[in-house]
Amino acid sequence: MGKHPKSDVKLCDFGISRIIMANIEVREVLGTPDYVAPEILQYEPISLATDM
């Protein structure tokens, strides 16, 4: 336990992460459906603004 026992613990897995270039359109359906951004599920272009 740390100094703040009531703190939330958040885990991230960047195993399927991608480097996104500003001038290239990316459309991939990856991730856990309950936690993936809506743009990804709707097969819209993924941008730097897409939430993780």
N, C-alpha and C. Protein backbone atom coordinates (compact mmCIF):
# COMPACT_ATOMS: atom_id res chain seq x y z
N MET A 1 0.85 -1.17 0.00
CA MET A 1 0.00 0.00 0.00
C MET A 1 0.89 1.24 0.00
N GLY A 2 0.40 2.24 -0.68
CA GLY A 2 1.12 3.50 -0.73
C GLY A 2 0.65 4.45 0.35
N LYS A 3 0.95 5.71 0.16
CA LYS A 3 0.56 6.73 1.12
C LYS A 3 -0.93 7.03 1.09
N HIS A 4 -1.59 6.70 -0.02
CA HIS A 4 -3.01 7.01 -0.20
C HIS A 4 -3.80 5.71 -0.38
N PRO A 5 -4.19 5.05 0.70
CA PRO A 5 -4.83 3.73 0.61
C PRO A 5 -6.17 3.73 -0.12
N LYS A 6 -6.84 4.87 -0.26
CA LYS A 6 -8.12 4.89 -0.95
C LYS A 6 -7.99 5.30 -2.42
N SER A 7 -6.78 5.35 -2.93
CA SER A 7 -6.55 5.73 -4.32
C SER A 7 -6.98 4.61 -5.26
N ASP A 8 -7.44 4.98 -6.45
CA ASP A 8 -7.78 4.00 -7.48
C ASP A 8 -6.51 3.57 -8.19
N VAL A 9 -6.48 2.31 -8.59
CA VAL A 9 -5.38 1.79 -9.39
C VAL A 9 -5.91 1.60 -10.80
N LYS A 10 -5.21 2.14 -11.78
CA LYS A 10 -5.62 2.01 -13.17
C LYS A 10 -4.51 1.32 -13.94
N LEU A 11 -4.87 0.32 -14.71
CA LEU A 11 -3.90 -0.43 -15.50
C LEU A 11 -4.14 -0.18 -16.98
N CYS A 12 -3.07 -0.06 -17.72
CA CYS A 12 -3.16 0.11 -19.17
C CYS A 12 -2.29 -0.93 -19.83
N ASP A 13 -2.72 -1.40 -20.99
CA ASP A 13 -1.93 -2.33 -21.78
C ASP A 13 -1.68 -1.68 -23.14
N PHE A 14 -0.45 -1.36 -23.42
CA PHE A 14 -0.11 -0.73 -24.68
C PHE A 14 0.41 -1.76 -25.69
N GLY A 15 0.09 -3.02 -25.49
CA GLY A 15 0.55 -4.08 -26.38
C GLY A 15 0.01 -3.97 -27.79
N ILE A 16 -1.15 -3.34 -27.96
CA ILE A 16 -1.71 -3.16 -29.30
C ILE A 16 -1.67 -1.69 -29.72
N SER A 17 -0.79 -0.92 -29.09
CA SER A 17 -0.70 0.51 -29.40
C SER A 17 -0.07 0.70 -30.78
N ARG A 18 -0.34 1.84 -31.37
CA ARG A 18 0.19 2.18 -32.69
C ARG A 18 0.71 3.61 -32.67
N ILE A 19 1.72 3.88 -33.48
CA ILE A 19 2.16 5.25 -33.70
C ILE A 19 1.29 5.80 -34.82
N ILE A 20 0.63 6.92 -34.57
CA ILE A 20 -0.27 7.51 -35.56
C ILE A 20 0.38 8.76 -36.13
N MET A 21 0.56 8.77 -37.43
CA MET A 21 1.11 9.94 -38.13
C MET A 21 -0.04 10.87 -38.49
N ALA A 22 0.20 12.16 -38.44
CA ALA A 22 -0.86 13.15 -38.66
C ALA A 22 -1.45 13.09 -40.07
N ASN A 23 -0.68 12.67 -41.07
CA ASN A 23 -1.16 12.70 -42.45
C ASN A 23 -1.61 11.34 -42.99
N ILE A 24 -1.68 10.33 -42.16
CA ILE A 24 -2.09 8.99 -42.60
C ILE A 24 -3.36 8.58 -41.86
N GLU A 25 -4.38 8.16 -42.63
CA GLU A 25 -5.64 7.72 -42.02
C GLU A 25 -5.50 6.29 -41.52
N VAL A 26 -5.91 6.05 -40.30
CA VAL A 26 -5.84 4.72 -39.69
C VAL A 26 -7.24 4.29 -39.29
N ARG A 27 -7.59 3.05 -39.65
CA ARG A 27 -8.86 2.45 -39.23
C ARG A 27 -8.55 1.02 -38.80
N GLU A 28 -8.59 0.78 -37.52
CA GLU A 28 -8.35 -0.56 -36.98
C GLU A 28 -9.33 -0.81 -35.85
N VAL A 29 -9.83 -2.03 -35.77
CA VAL A 29 -10.71 -2.41 -34.66
C VAL A 29 -9.89 -3.30 -33.74
N LEU A 30 -9.37 -2.70 -32.68
CA LEU A 30 -8.55 -3.41 -31.69
C LEU A 30 -8.94 -2.94 -30.31
N GLY A 31 -8.81 -3.81 -29.35
CA GLY A 31 -9.06 -3.42 -27.97
C GLY A 31 -10.24 -4.14 -27.35
N THR A 32 -10.44 -3.92 -26.08
CA THR A 32 -11.55 -4.51 -25.34
C THR A 32 -12.80 -3.67 -25.58
N PRO A 33 -13.88 -4.24 -26.12
CA PRO A 33 -15.06 -3.45 -26.50
C PRO A 33 -15.59 -2.54 -25.40
N ASP A 34 -15.54 -2.95 -24.16
CA ASP A 34 -16.06 -2.11 -23.07
C ASP A 34 -15.21 -0.87 -22.82
N TYR A 35 -13.98 -0.86 -23.31
CA TYR A 35 -13.07 0.24 -22.99
C TYR A 35 -12.54 0.97 -24.22
N VAL A 36 -12.93 0.54 -25.40
CA VAL A 36 -12.41 1.15 -26.63
C VAL A 36 -13.20 2.40 -26.99
N ALA A 37 -12.56 3.35 -27.65
CA ALA A 37 -13.21 4.59 -28.04
C ALA A 37 -14.32 4.32 -29.07
N PRO A 38 -15.41 5.08 -29.03
CA PRO A 38 -16.52 4.88 -29.97
C PRO A 38 -16.10 4.98 -31.43
N GLU A 39 -15.14 5.84 -31.75
CA GLU A 39 -14.68 5.98 -33.13
C GLU A 39 -14.14 4.67 -33.68
N ILE A 40 -13.48 3.92 -32.83
CA ILE A 40 -12.91 2.65 -33.27
C ILE A 40 -14.01 1.64 -33.56
N LEU A 41 -15.00 1.55 -32.68
CA LEU A 41 -16.10 0.60 -32.88
C LEU A 41 -16.94 0.95 -34.11
N GLN A 42 -17.02 2.23 -34.45
CA GLN A 42 -17.79 2.67 -35.62
C GLN A 42 -16.93 2.69 -36.88
N TYR A 43 -15.72 2.20 -36.79
CA TYR A 43 -14.76 2.11 -37.90
C TYR A 43 -14.53 3.47 -38.55
N GLU A 44 -14.48 4.51 -37.73
CA GLU A 44 -14.15 5.85 -38.19
C GLU A 44 -12.63 6.03 -38.11
N PRO A 45 -12.10 7.01 -38.81
CA PRO A 45 -10.65 7.22 -38.74
C PRO A 45 -10.19 7.51 -37.30
N ILE A 46 -9.09 6.91 -36.93
CA ILE A 46 -8.50 7.13 -35.62
C ILE A 46 -7.54 8.31 -35.74
N SER A 47 -7.64 9.24 -34.81
CA SER A 47 -6.77 10.42 -34.85
C SER A 47 -6.05 10.57 -33.52
N LEU A 48 -5.24 11.60 -33.43
CA LEU A 48 -4.56 11.89 -32.17
C LEU A 48 -5.54 12.25 -31.08
N ALA A 49 -6.77 12.65 -31.45
CA ALA A 49 -7.79 13.01 -30.47
C ALA A 49 -8.57 11.81 -29.95
N THR A 50 -8.40 10.64 -30.57
CA THR A 50 -9.12 9.44 -30.13
C THR A 50 -8.68 9.08 -28.72
N ASP A 51 -9.65 8.90 -27.85
CA ASP A 51 -9.37 8.59 -26.46
C ASP A 51 -8.86 7.17 -26.34
N MET A 52 -7.98 6.93 -25.36
CA MET A 52 -7.51 5.57 -25.15
C MET A 52 -8.45 4.78 -24.29
